[in-house]
Protein backbone atom coordinates (compact mmCIF):
# COMPACT_ATOMS: atom_id res chain seq x y z
CA UNK A 1 9.60 17.36 6.34
CA UNK A 2 7.64 18.87 3.49
CA UNK A 3 5.99 16.79 0.81
CA UNK A 4 8.03 18.10 -2.09
CA UNK A 5 11.30 17.25 -0.33
CA UNK A 6 10.21 13.62 -0.15
CA UNK A 7 9.52 13.14 -3.84
CA UNK A 8 12.97 11.72 -4.50
CA UNK A 9 12.37 9.06 -1.82
CA UNK A 10 9.66 7.44 -3.90
CA UNK A 11 10.29 4.05 -5.37
CA UNK A 12 11.31 4.46 -8.99
CA UNK A 13 8.40 4.75 -11.39
CA UNK A 14 9.97 7.22 -13.78
CA UNK A 15 9.06 10.57 -12.31
CA UNK A 16 11.26 13.55 -12.93
CA UNK A 17 12.82 15.04 -16.02
CA UNK A 18 12.03 13.52 -19.36
CA UNK A 19 14.06 13.85 -22.53
CA UNK A 20 12.94 14.10 -26.10
CA UNK A 21 15.09 11.17 -27.13
CA UNK A 22 16.95 8.29 -25.52
CA UNK A 23 18.02 9.23 -22.01
CA UNK A 24 21.70 9.60 -21.18
CA UNK A 25 23.04 7.33 -18.43
CA UNK A 26 24.33 9.19 -15.39
CA UNK A 27 28.12 9.24 -15.25
CA UNK A 28 31.05 11.59 -15.23
CA UNK A 29 32.05 12.54 -18.79
CA UNK A 30 35.75 12.04 -18.06
CA UNK A 31 36.31 8.45 -17.01
CA UNK A 32 39.84 7.34 -16.22
CA UNK A 33 42.08 6.31 -19.08
CA UNK A 34 42.41 2.85 -17.56
CA UNK A 35 38.65 2.33 -17.56
CA UNK A 36 38.39 3.65 -21.11
CA UNK A 37 41.14 1.37 -22.37
CA UNK A 38 39.66 -1.64 -20.61
CA UNK A 39 36.17 -1.05 -21.96
CA UNK A 40 36.58 0.39 -25.43
CA UNK A 41 38.48 -2.43 -27.20
CA UNK A 42 36.02 -4.99 -25.85
CA UNK A 43 33.01 -2.96 -26.88
CA UNK A 44 34.41 -2.10 -30.28
CA UNK A 45 35.04 -5.76 -31.01
CA UNK A 46 31.85 -7.20 -29.56
CA UNK A 47 29.18 -4.61 -30.27
CA UNK A 48 28.28 -4.67 -33.99
CA UNK A 49 26.77 -1.18 -34.13
CA UNK A 50 29.75 0.43 -32.44
CA UNK A 51 32.21 -1.58 -34.52
CA UNK A 52 30.52 -0.48 -37.76
CA UNK A 53 30.45 3.15 -36.61
CA UNK A 54 34.16 3.11 -35.74
CA UNK A 55 35.01 1.56 -39.11
CA UNK A 56 32.91 4.18 -40.88
CA UNK A 57 34.72 6.96 -39.02
CA UNK A 58 38.08 5.54 -40.07
CA UNK A 59 36.96 5.24 -43.69
CA UNK A 60 34.96 8.48 -43.97
CA UNK A 61 36.09 11.03 -41.34
CA UNK A 62 33.65 13.84 -40.67
CA UNK A 63 31.05 15.26 -38.32
CA UNK A 64 28.38 12.73 -39.28
CA UNK A 65 30.71 9.82 -38.57
CA UNK A 66 31.79 11.36 -35.26
CA UNK A 67 28.14 11.71 -34.24
CA UNK A 68 27.39 8.12 -35.10
CA UNK A 69 30.29 6.84 -32.98
CA UNK A 70 29.25 9.15 -30.13
CA UNK A 71 25.66 7.90 -30.26
CA UNK A 72 26.79 4.29 -30.01
CA UNK A 73 29.13 5.00 -27.09
CA UNK A 74 26.29 6.86 -25.38
CA UNK A 75 23.98 3.89 -25.91
CA UNK A 76 26.57 1.69 -24.21
CA UNK A 77 27.04 4.11 -21.31
CA UNK A 78 30.67 5.00 -22.11
CA UNK A 79 30.12 8.71 -21.69
CA UNK A 80 33.72 9.88 -21.73
CA UNK A 81 34.07 8.47 -25.25
CA UNK A 82 30.65 9.76 -26.27
CA UNK A 83 31.48 13.30 -25.10
CA UNK A 84 34.82 13.25 -26.94
CA UNK A 85 33.18 12.29 -30.23
CA UNK A 86 30.31 14.76 -29.83
CA UNK A 87 32.93 17.46 -29.11
CA UNK A 88 34.84 16.40 -32.23
CA UNK A 89 31.63 16.71 -34.25
CA UNK A 90 30.98 20.30 -33.11
CA UNK A 91 34.56 21.26 -33.92
CA UNK A 92 33.89 20.17 -37.48
CA UNK A 93 30.36 21.62 -37.54
CA UNK A 94 30.03 24.43 -34.95
CA UNK A 95 26.26 24.65 -35.51
CA UNK A 96 25.70 20.93 -34.93
CA UNK A 97 22.64 21.31 -32.68
CA UNK A 98 22.27 17.58 -32.09
CA UNK A 99 25.79 17.23 -30.68
CA UNK A 100 25.52 20.40 -28.57
CA UNK A 101 22.25 19.06 -27.15
CA UNK A 102 23.82 15.67 -26.44
CA UNK A 103 26.77 17.29 -24.66
CA UNK A 104 24.38 19.40 -22.59
CA UNK A 105 22.58 16.27 -21.43
CA UNK A 106 25.79 14.47 -20.55
CA UNK A 107 27.09 17.38 -18.47
CA UNK A 108 23.69 17.89 -16.82
CA UNK A 109 23.34 14.25 -15.88
CA UNK A 110 26.89 14.26 -14.57
CA UNK A 111 25.91 16.90 -12.02
CA UNK A 112 27.49 19.84 -13.85
CA UNK A 113 24.53 21.92 -15.07
CA UNK A 114 26.56 25.13 -15.30
CA UNK A 115 28.73 23.58 -18.01
CA UNK A 116 25.63 22.04 -19.59
CA UNK A 117 24.01 25.47 -19.85
CA UNK A 118 26.48 26.75 -22.45
CA UNK A 119 26.00 23.65 -24.61
CA UNK A 120 22.21 23.78 -24.29
CA UNK A 121 22.19 27.42 -25.32
CA UNK A 122 24.35 26.63 -28.34
CA UNK A 123 21.90 23.90 -29.32
CA UNK A 124 18.94 26.28 -29.13
CA UNK A 125 20.85 28.96 -31.03
CA UNK A 126 21.72 26.47 -33.78
CA UNK A 127 18.20 25.01 -33.96
CA UNK A 128 15.71 27.62 -32.70
CA UNK A 129 12.74 25.57 -33.92
CA UNK A 130 13.81 22.36 -32.19
CA UNK A 131 11.44 21.29 -29.43
CA UNK A 132 14.02 18.79 -28.18
CA UNK A 133 16.69 21.47 -27.78
CA UNK A 134 14.26 23.83 -26.01
CA UNK A 135 13.25 21.02 -23.67
CA UNK A 136 16.86 20.19 -22.83
CA UNK A 137 17.57 23.83 -22.01
CA UNK A 138 14.56 23.73 -19.71
CA UNK A 139 15.91 20.68 -17.89
CA UNK A 140 19.27 22.38 -17.41
CA UNK A 141 17.61 25.46 -15.90
CA UNK A 142 15.62 23.16 -13.63
CA UNK A 143 18.82 21.42 -12.53
CA UNK A 144 20.15 24.89 -11.67
CA UNK A 145 17.03 25.60 -9.61
CA UNK A 146 15.80 28.29 -12.01
CA UNK A 147 12.24 27.05 -12.31
CA UNK A 148 10.73 30.08 -14.02
CA UNK A 149 13.24 29.78 -16.86
CA UNK A 150 12.74 26.01 -16.96
CA UNK A 151 8.98 26.41 -17.33
CA UNK A 152 9.44 29.03 -20.05
CA UNK A 153 11.51 26.65 -22.14
CA UNK A 154 9.18 23.70 -21.53
CA UNK A 155 6.31 25.86 -22.75
CA UNK A 156 8.35 26.86 -25.78
CA UNK A 157 9.10 23.22 -26.59
CA UNK A 158 5.41 22.32 -26.33
CA UNK A 159 4.52 25.25 -28.59
CA UNK A 160 7.11 24.22 -31.18
CA UNK A 161 5.84 20.65 -31.29
CA UNK A 162 2.25 19.73 -30.31
CA UNK A 163 3.44 16.14 -29.87
CA UNK A 164 6.20 17.05 -27.40
CA UNK A 165 4.50 15.29 -24.49
CA UNK A 166 7.85 15.06 -22.68
CA UNK A 167 7.98 18.87 -22.40
CA UNK A 168 4.47 18.96 -20.95
CA UNK A 169 5.47 16.22 -18.52
CA UNK A 170 8.51 18.23 -17.45
CA UNK A 171 6.26 21.26 -17.02
CA UNK A 172 4.00 19.08 -14.88
CA UNK A 173 6.88 17.94 -12.67
CA UNK A 174 8.25 21.47 -12.31
CA UNK A 175 4.76 22.55 -11.27
CA UNK A 176 4.72 19.85 -8.59
CA UNK A 177 8.08 20.95 -7.21
CA UNK A 178 6.99 24.59 -7.07
CA UNK A 179 3.50 23.69 -5.82
CA UNK A 180 1.66 25.37 -8.67
CA UNK A 181 -2.15 25.12 -8.37
CA UNK A 182 -2.45 24.08 -12.02
CA UNK A 183 -0.02 21.15 -11.74
CA UNK A 184 -2.81 18.55 -11.79
CA UNK A 185 -4.23 19.92 -15.04
CA UNK A 186 -0.77 20.05 -16.63
CA UNK A 187 -0.06 16.48 -15.57
CA UNK A 188 -3.37 15.36 -17.07
CA UNK A 189 -2.35 16.99 -20.36
CA UNK A 190 0.91 15.07 -20.27
CA UNK A 191 -0.90 11.79 -19.59
CA UNK A 192 -3.34 12.35 -22.43
CA UNK A 193 -0.59 13.01 -24.96
CA UNK A 194 2.03 10.48 -23.85
CA UNK A 195 2.53 7.30 -25.87
CA UNK A 196 1.46 4.05 -24.21
CA UNK A 197 5.03 3.02 -23.41
CA UNK A 198 5.53 6.22 -21.40
CA UNK A 199 2.17 6.29 -19.65
CA UNK A 200 3.67 4.97 -16.41
CA UNK A 201 5.77 8.06 -15.77
CA UNK A 202 2.91 10.45 -16.50
CA UNK A 203 0.53 8.52 -14.24
CA UNK A 204 3.06 8.64 -11.43
CA UNK A 205 3.53 12.37 -11.86
CA UNK A 206 -0.24 12.86 -11.83
CA UNK A 207 -0.32 10.97 -8.53
CA UNK A 208 2.35 13.32 -7.17
CA UNK A 209 0.39 16.35 -8.36
CA UNK A 210 -2.74 15.16 -6.56
CA UNK A 211 -0.70 14.49 -3.43
CA UNK A 212 0.84 17.97 -3.53
CA UNK A 213 -2.69 19.38 -3.83
CA UNK A 214 -3.77 17.43 -0.75
CA UNK A 215 -5.98 15.08 -2.80
CA UNK A 216 -4.65 11.93 -1.18
CA UNK A 217 -7.20 9.38 -2.35
CA UNK A 218 -6.75 10.51 -5.95
CA UNK A 219 -3.00 10.25 -5.43
CA UNK A 220 -3.32 6.67 -4.19
CA UNK A 221 -5.52 5.78 -7.15
CA UNK A 222 -2.97 7.09 -9.67
CA UNK A 223 -0.05 5.48 -7.89
CA UNK A 224 -1.89 2.19 -8.37
CA UNK A 225 -2.43 2.97 -12.04
CA UNK A 226 1.26 3.77 -12.42
CA UNK A 227 2.92 0.74 -10.87
CA UNK A 228 2.58 -2.68 -9.29
CA UNK A 229 0.93 -2.83 -5.88
CA UNK A 230 4.16 -3.00 -3.86
CA UNK A 231 5.56 0.14 -5.48
CA UNK A 232 2.22 1.96 -5.44
CA UNK A 233 1.66 1.31 -1.73
CA UNK A 234 5.23 2.24 -0.89
CA UNK A 235 4.91 5.55 -2.73
CA UNK A 236 1.60 6.28 -1.03
CA UNK A 237 3.26 5.54 2.30
CA UNK A 238 5.96 8.11 1.53
CA UNK A 239 3.27 10.69 0.80
CA UNK A 240 1.51 9.90 4.07
CA UNK A 241 4.80 10.21 5.96
CA UNK A 242 5.25 13.67 4.45
CA UNK A 243 1.87 14.73 5.87
CA UNK A 244 2.74 13.24 9.30
CA UNK A 245 -0.05 10.66 8.97
CA UNK A 246 2.27 8.03 10.41
CA UNK A 247 -0.27 5.30 11.15
CA UNK A 248 -1.64 5.52 7.60
CA UNK A 249 1.93 5.46 6.32
CA UNK A 250 2.72 2.36 8.35
CA UNK A 251 -0.38 0.63 6.97
CA UNK A 252 0.65 1.50 3.40
CA UNK A 253 4.19 0.18 3.94
CA UNK A 254 2.79 -3.01 5.47
CA UNK A 255 0.58 -3.40 2.42
CA UNK A 256 3.67 -2.99 0.24
CA UNK A 257 5.39 -5.71 2.28
CA UNK A 258 2.46 -8.08 1.80
CA UNK A 259 2.79 -7.56 -1.94
CA UNK A 260 6.57 -7.94 -1.84
CA UNK A 261 7.80 -9.68 1.34
CA UNK A 262 11.43 -9.24 0.22
CA UNK A 263 11.28 -5.44 0.16
CA UNK A 264 13.76 -4.34 2.82
CA UNK A 265 13.01 -0.72 1.91
CA UNK A 266 9.31 -1.13 2.73
CA UNK A 267 10.19 -2.92 5.97
CA UNK A 268 12.53 -0.11 7.00
CA UNK A 269 9.96 2.55 6.19
CA UNK A 270 7.23 0.66 8.07
CA UNK A 271 9.45 0.63 11.18
CA UNK A 272 10.22 4.34 10.79
CA UNK A 273 6.52 5.16 10.45
CA UNK A 274 5.62 3.05 13.49
CA UNK A 275 8.30 4.71 15.65
CA UNK A 276 7.23 8.17 14.47
CA UNK A 277 3.60 7.36 15.30
CA UNK A 278 4.53 6.10 18.78
CA UNK A 279 6.62 9.20 19.45
CA UNK A 280 3.83 11.48 18.33
CA UNK A 281 1.26 9.63 20.43
CA UNK A 282 3.58 9.74 23.45
CA UNK A 283 4.12 13.48 23.08
CA UNK A 284 0.37 14.03 22.71
CA UNK A 285 -0.36 11.97 25.83
CA UNK A 286 2.31 13.87 27.76
CA UNK A 287 0.52 17.14 27.14
């Protein structure tokens, strides 16, 4: 199995696509009516921000009020309601770039990037100088597997806003997935420009870039900078598995287990690495 196909097996340290604003929880936009009815009244009565937004919408109907309600539903993870209110906002203001962008993210994160593409394009058309909209369009193209287009829009976002570290980070990750030789340099740019609270994700991506380039010790170093020892060693073990260095992988997973004895994932991977190493050694001895 190739290295880049194993990236998604890493323990979570925030690699992958990054958004310009608050991320959208993954869910299907159209939840069942029963779920909606069971959740919404409770949320509207118990969450002060949502309650105030709903009251404002009732008192002052309009696109701005629809957006506010949608934002609060999105914050709470009720994406069917969020998408309905964002859609209501764009009906009232067809060039509402913020709502088009939000709808694009919801559809993309729900596994429907083809639908997201139309919304993302509308957002860019309505706000051609928005780095956030350009970045979202890039993430949609990436979800569709169109990496050249994704990189073009990430570059555009970075050009529109010198502080758009998230676009550079997405460019870094796309470079890793397509094994670009400049991925390490791009990932370093993302790390240098990212705010402190987002440094973890950029460090992890830099580790992945070094691993993809075959610079394994540098990868291990940056994994350790990105996360606690158990996660860092686990991720390094995954990288070693991808290069068929099974004994080194087993040692890394065992190190992760020492740091976190309750990690069933590390224990499972250690066993897999050990069995793979034994099989390889047996086959070698047989020849």
